[in-house]
Amino acid sequence: MRKGIIAMMLAFASISAYAQRDNAKLTPEARAENQTKSLTESLGLTEEQQKQVYTLNLTRAQKMEEMRNSQDVDRSKMRESMEAFNTELQKVLTPEQQEKYKTVMEERRKNGGAGRGPRN
């Protein structure tokens, strides 16, 4: 019984690691597309908002990729980039969408980042 549980846990861990590796291969454009789609589904973005959010996501994804590829990965700069993204995103969202976004982000943080959309 214990061996079976351990085997299932190892299988789950390897599947999760494989999925993360696939996500790491995405281009900034693909990341921006995925993140915009996720936000559209969770917040009900209009077509105009989708265009604006895609632009924000693409800019951030490009910056994050540059930071990841640099010799000196600076987490504080990554955090600043996320905060700047959130500030700009708030300008695009309606007050109702802003509240829903806060709720979605809090839920993701509680779940350990599962189903990350905006986080990159």
Protein backbone atom coordinates (compact mmCIF):
# COMPACT_ATOMS: atom_id res chain seq x y z
CA MET A 1 0.00 0.00 0.00
CA ARG A 2 2.73 2.47 0.98
CA LYS A 3 4.72 1.63 -2.16
CA GLY A 4 1.68 2.35 -4.29
CA ILE A 5 1.16 5.75 -2.67
CA ILE A 6 4.84 6.62 -3.07
CA ALA A 7 4.73 5.54 -6.73
CA MET A 8 1.68 7.75 -7.35
CA MET A 9 3.37 10.71 -5.68
CA LEU A 10 6.51 10.26 -7.79
CA ALA A 11 4.42 10.01 -10.96
CA PHE A 12 2.56 13.20 -10.08
CA ALA A 13 5.81 15.02 -9.31
CA SER A 14 7.35 14.00 -12.64
CA ILE A 15 4.24 15.07 -14.57
CA SER A 16 4.30 18.43 -12.81
CA ALA A 17 8.00 18.90 -13.54
CA TYR A 18 7.42 18.02 -17.20
CA ALA A 19 4.56 20.53 -17.49
CA GLN A 20 6.72 23.27 -15.97
CA ARG A 21 9.53 22.47 -18.38
CA ASP A 22 7.13 22.82 -21.34
CA ASN A 23 5.96 26.18 -20.00
CA ALA A 24 9.55 27.36 -19.75
CA LYS A 25 9.98 26.78 -23.51
CA LEU A 26 7.21 29.19 -24.46
CA THR A 27 8.10 32.33 -26.36
CA PRO A 28 7.17 35.69 -24.81
CA GLU A 29 4.40 35.96 -27.43
CA ALA A 30 2.96 32.57 -26.47
CA ARG A 31 3.17 33.44 -22.78
CA ALA A 32 1.39 36.75 -23.41
CA GLU A 33 -1.28 34.97 -25.42
CA ASN A 34 -1.85 32.35 -22.69
CA GLN A 35 -1.95 34.95 -19.93
CA THR A 36 -4.34 37.17 -21.88
CA LYS A 37 -6.61 34.20 -22.56
CA SER A 38 -6.57 33.29 -18.87
CA LEU A 39 -7.43 36.84 -17.81
CA THR A 40 -10.13 37.07 -20.48
CA GLU A 41 -11.77 33.91 -19.17
CA SER A 42 -11.53 34.86 -15.51
CA LEU A 43 -12.37 38.58 -15.83
CA GLY A 44 -14.55 38.75 -18.95
CA LEU A 45 -12.34 41.21 -20.83
CA THR A 46 -13.73 43.10 -23.81
CA GLU A 47 -11.94 42.94 -27.17
CA GLU A 48 -10.37 46.35 -26.56
CA GLN A 49 -9.21 45.29 -23.09
CA GLN A 50 -7.79 42.06 -24.54
CA LYS A 51 -5.61 44.07 -26.94
CA GLN A 52 -4.36 46.31 -24.14
CA VAL A 53 -3.76 43.39 -21.76
CA TYR A 54 -1.93 41.43 -24.47
CA THR A 55 0.41 44.38 -25.00
CA LEU A 56 1.06 44.60 -21.24
CA ASN A 57 1.61 40.84 -20.99
CA LEU A 58 3.97 40.81 -23.98
CA THR A 59 6.08 43.66 -22.63
CA ARG A 60 6.34 41.97 -19.25
CA ALA A 61 7.07 38.54 -20.74
CA GLN A 62 9.88 40.00 -22.83
CA LYS A 63 11.37 41.76 -19.80
CA MET A 64 11.10 38.61 -17.69
CA GLU A 65 12.80 36.51 -20.36
CA GLU A 66 15.65 39.02 -20.56
CA MET A 67 16.01 38.89 -16.78
CA ARG A 68 15.95 35.07 -16.71
CA ASN A 69 18.57 34.86 -19.45
CA SER A 70 20.91 37.34 -17.80
CA GLN A 71 23.84 36.10 -15.78
CA ASP A 72 22.54 37.80 -12.65
CA VAL A 73 18.89 36.91 -11.93
CA ASP A 74 17.54 39.65 -9.69
CA ARG A 75 14.29 38.63 -8.00
CA SER A 76 13.64 42.17 -6.77
CA LYS A 77 13.63 43.45 -10.37
CA MET A 78 11.23 40.66 -11.32
CA ARG A 79 8.97 41.67 -8.44
CA GLU A 80 9.15 45.33 -9.54
CA SER A 81 8.19 44.26 -13.06
CA MET A 82 5.15 42.41 -11.70
CA GLU A 83 4.12 45.41 -9.60
CA ALA A 84 4.44 47.71 -12.63
CA PHE A 85 2.33 45.26 -14.64
CA ASN A 86 -0.35 45.20 -11.95
CA THR A 87 -0.42 49.02 -11.81
CA GLU A 88 -0.87 49.28 -15.58
CA LEU A 89 -3.42 46.46 -15.60
CA GLN A 90 -5.55 48.27 -13.04
CA LYS A 91 -5.84 51.20 -15.48
CA VAL A 92 -7.35 48.86 -18.11
CA LEU A 93 -9.81 47.01 -15.85
CA THR A 94 -13.19 48.17 -14.64
CA PRO A 95 -13.67 48.45 -10.85
CA GLU A 96 -15.57 45.13 -10.86
CA GLN A 97 -12.80 43.42 -12.83
CA GLN A 98 -10.19 44.89 -10.48
CA GLU A 99 -11.92 43.29 -7.50
CA LYS A 100 -12.25 39.97 -9.30
CA TYR A 101 -8.55 40.12 -10.29
CA LYS A 102 -7.57 40.67 -6.65
CA THR A 103 -9.68 37.68 -5.63
CA VAL A 104 -8.20 35.46 -8.36
CA MET A 105 -4.64 36.45 -7.42
CA GLU A 106 -5.24 35.84 -3.71
CA GLU A 107 -6.68 32.42 -4.50
CA ARG A 108 -3.66 31.53 -6.64
CA ARG A 109 -1.30 32.60 -3.87
CA LYS A 110 -3.18 30.43 -1.38
CA ASN A 111 -2.90 27.47 -3.76
CA GLY A 112 0.84 27.90 -4.13
CA GLY A 113 0.63 29.49 -7.56
CA ALA A 114 -1.39 26.68 -9.12
CA GLY A 115 -2.84 27.69 -12.45
CA ARG A 116 -0.69 30.76 -12.79
CA GLY A 117 -1.96 33.16 -15.31
CA PRO A 118 -0.47 36.56 -14.88
CA ARG A 119 2.56 35.42 -13.00
CA ASN A 120 5.42 34.72 -15.27
